Amino acid sequence: MNYTEEQTQKLVEEYKANPSMLTVEELAIAYGKSPKSIIGKLSREGVYERAIYKNKSGDLPITKAEIVSNIAENLGLEIENLPGLEKAPKATLKALELATGAQKVHEYQGI
């Protein structure tokens, strides 16, 4: 048995109070365990929240294929009618997505 009931209760309480990787690292040091061990225990207790990956700009990642799909939808086309578009630079695709979706944004805002 790696953790006593008392240790488990304290781990859960401390993690719930501040659910972050920093807390996991502090708990690992305090209990002489590895961060993976702490994460495993918190996961088994049903309280561990996995960090959500974000890209350098702080946005949720989106693939080029998803952007091309959005562009096709904004234009009222089937994605098959835009072959090769996914090979364009991501910044270009995002600009095109914004430009083609602008009409929908204006319609939604009542402009």
Protein backbone atom coordinates (compact mmCIF):
# COMPACT_ATOMS: atom_id res chain seq x y z
CA MET A 1 0.00 0.00 0.00
CA ASN A 2 1.63 3.21 -1.16
CA TYR A 3 -0.66 5.74 0.51
CA THR A 4 -2.49 5.63 3.82
CA GLU A 5 -6.11 6.74 4.04
CA GLU A 6 -4.96 9.90 5.81
CA GLN A 7 -2.39 10.69 3.11
CA THR A 8 -4.95 10.06 0.38
CA GLN A 9 -7.44 12.39 2.05
CA LYS A 10 -4.80 15.14 2.41
CA LEU A 11 -3.66 14.69 -1.21
CA VAL A 12 -7.22 15.03 -2.47
CA GLU A 13 -7.98 18.05 -0.26
CA GLU A 14 -4.80 19.90 -1.23
CA TYR A 15 -5.23 19.16 -4.93
CA LYS A 16 -8.91 20.21 -4.92
CA ALA A 17 -7.93 23.48 -3.24
CA ASN A 18 -5.50 24.27 -6.09
CA PRO A 19 -5.73 21.86 -9.06
CA SER A 20 -2.48 22.56 -10.90
CA MET A 21 0.74 20.86 -11.90
CA LEU A 22 2.57 23.01 -9.37
CA THR A 23 0.42 21.48 -6.61
CA VAL A 24 1.22 17.99 -7.93
CA GLU A 25 4.94 18.77 -7.82
CA GLU A 26 4.70 20.19 -4.30
CA LEU A 27 2.78 17.11 -3.13
CA ALA A 28 5.38 14.84 -4.73
CA ILE A 29 8.15 16.57 -2.79
CA ALA A 30 6.16 16.60 0.47
CA TYR A 31 5.35 12.87 0.29
CA GLY A 32 8.63 11.73 -1.26
CA LYS A 33 6.85 10.38 -4.34
CA SER A 34 7.18 11.04 -8.04
CA PRO A 35 4.74 13.42 -9.76
CA LYS A 36 3.49 10.44 -11.81
CA SER A 37 2.68 8.58 -8.61
CA ILE A 38 0.74 11.56 -7.26
CA ILE A 39 -1.13 11.96 -10.57
CA GLY A 40 -1.93 8.24 -10.59
CA LYS A 41 -3.35 8.38 -7.07
CA LEU A 42 -5.37 11.52 -7.78
CA SER A 43 -6.68 9.88 -10.97
CA ARG A 44 -7.76 6.77 -9.07
CA GLU A 45 -9.52 9.02 -6.59
CA GLY A 46 -11.34 10.70 -9.50
CA VAL A 47 -10.11 14.24 -8.85
CA TYR A 48 -7.16 14.73 -11.22
CA GLU A 49 -7.83 17.20 -14.03
CA ARG A 50 -5.57 16.79 -17.03
CA ALA A 51 -4.12 20.02 -18.37
CA ILE A 52 -5.64 21.14 -21.67
CA TYR A 53 -3.04 21.69 -24.36
CA LYS A 54 -2.86 25.16 -25.84
CA ASN A 55 -0.59 26.41 -28.59
CA LYS A 56 1.99 29.21 -28.30
CA SER A 57 -0.65 31.92 -28.75
CA GLY A 58 -2.78 30.43 -25.95
CA ASP A 59 -5.51 29.09 -28.23
CA LEU A 60 -6.82 25.56 -28.41
CA PRO A 61 -5.08 23.80 -31.29
CA ILE A 62 -6.99 23.40 -34.56
CA THR A 63 -5.84 21.43 -37.57
CA LYS A 64 -5.57 22.75 -41.09
CA ALA A 65 -8.20 20.21 -42.14
CA GLU A 66 -10.65 21.67 -39.59
CA ILE A 67 -9.96 25.21 -40.84
CA VAL A 68 -10.48 24.13 -44.47
CA SER A 69 -13.73 22.44 -43.44
CA ASN A 70 -14.90 25.68 -41.80
CA ILE A 71 -13.97 27.66 -44.92
CA ALA A 72 -15.92 25.24 -47.12
CA GLU A 73 -18.93 25.49 -44.80
CA ASN A 74 -18.71 29.30 -44.77
CA LEU A 75 -18.70 29.31 -48.57
CA GLY A 76 -21.50 26.75 -48.84
CA LEU A 77 -19.22 24.29 -50.64
CA GLU A 78 -18.29 20.67 -50.17
CA ILE A 79 -14.74 20.24 -48.87
CA GLU A 80 -13.96 18.17 -51.98
CA ASN A 81 -14.37 21.37 -54.03
CA LEU A 82 -11.29 22.87 -52.33
CA PRO A 83 -8.55 20.33 -53.11
CA GLY A 84 -5.07 21.23 -51.96
CA LEU A 85 -6.18 24.12 -49.78
CA GLU A 86 -4.97 22.34 -46.64
CA LYS A 87 -1.41 22.72 -47.98
CA ALA A 88 -1.56 26.51 -47.59
CA PRO A 89 0.14 28.09 -44.54
CA LYS A 90 -2.00 27.98 -41.41
CA ALA A 91 -1.96 31.78 -41.03
CA THR A 92 -3.34 32.11 -44.56
CA LEU A 93 -6.06 29.58 -43.83
CA LYS A 94 -7.04 31.37 -40.63
CA ALA A 95 -7.26 34.69 -42.48
CA LEU A 96 -9.39 33.07 -45.18
CA GLU A 97 -11.60 31.44 -42.55
CA LEU A 98 -12.12 34.79 -40.86
CA ALA A 99 -12.85 36.52 -44.16
CA THR A 100 -15.34 33.89 -45.30
CA GLY A 101 -17.00 33.68 -41.90
CA ALA A 102 -17.28 37.45 -41.47
CA GLN A 103 -20.67 37.50 -43.20
CA LYS A 104 -22.06 35.01 -40.68
CA VAL A 105 -20.68 37.05 -37.79
CA HIS A 106 -22.31 40.21 -39.16
CA GLU A 107 -25.62 38.41 -39.69
CA TYR A 108 -25.50 37.11 -36.11
CA GLN A 109 -24.78 40.57 -34.73
CA GLY A 110 -27.61 42.04 -36.79
CA ILE A 111 -25.27 44.19 -38.91
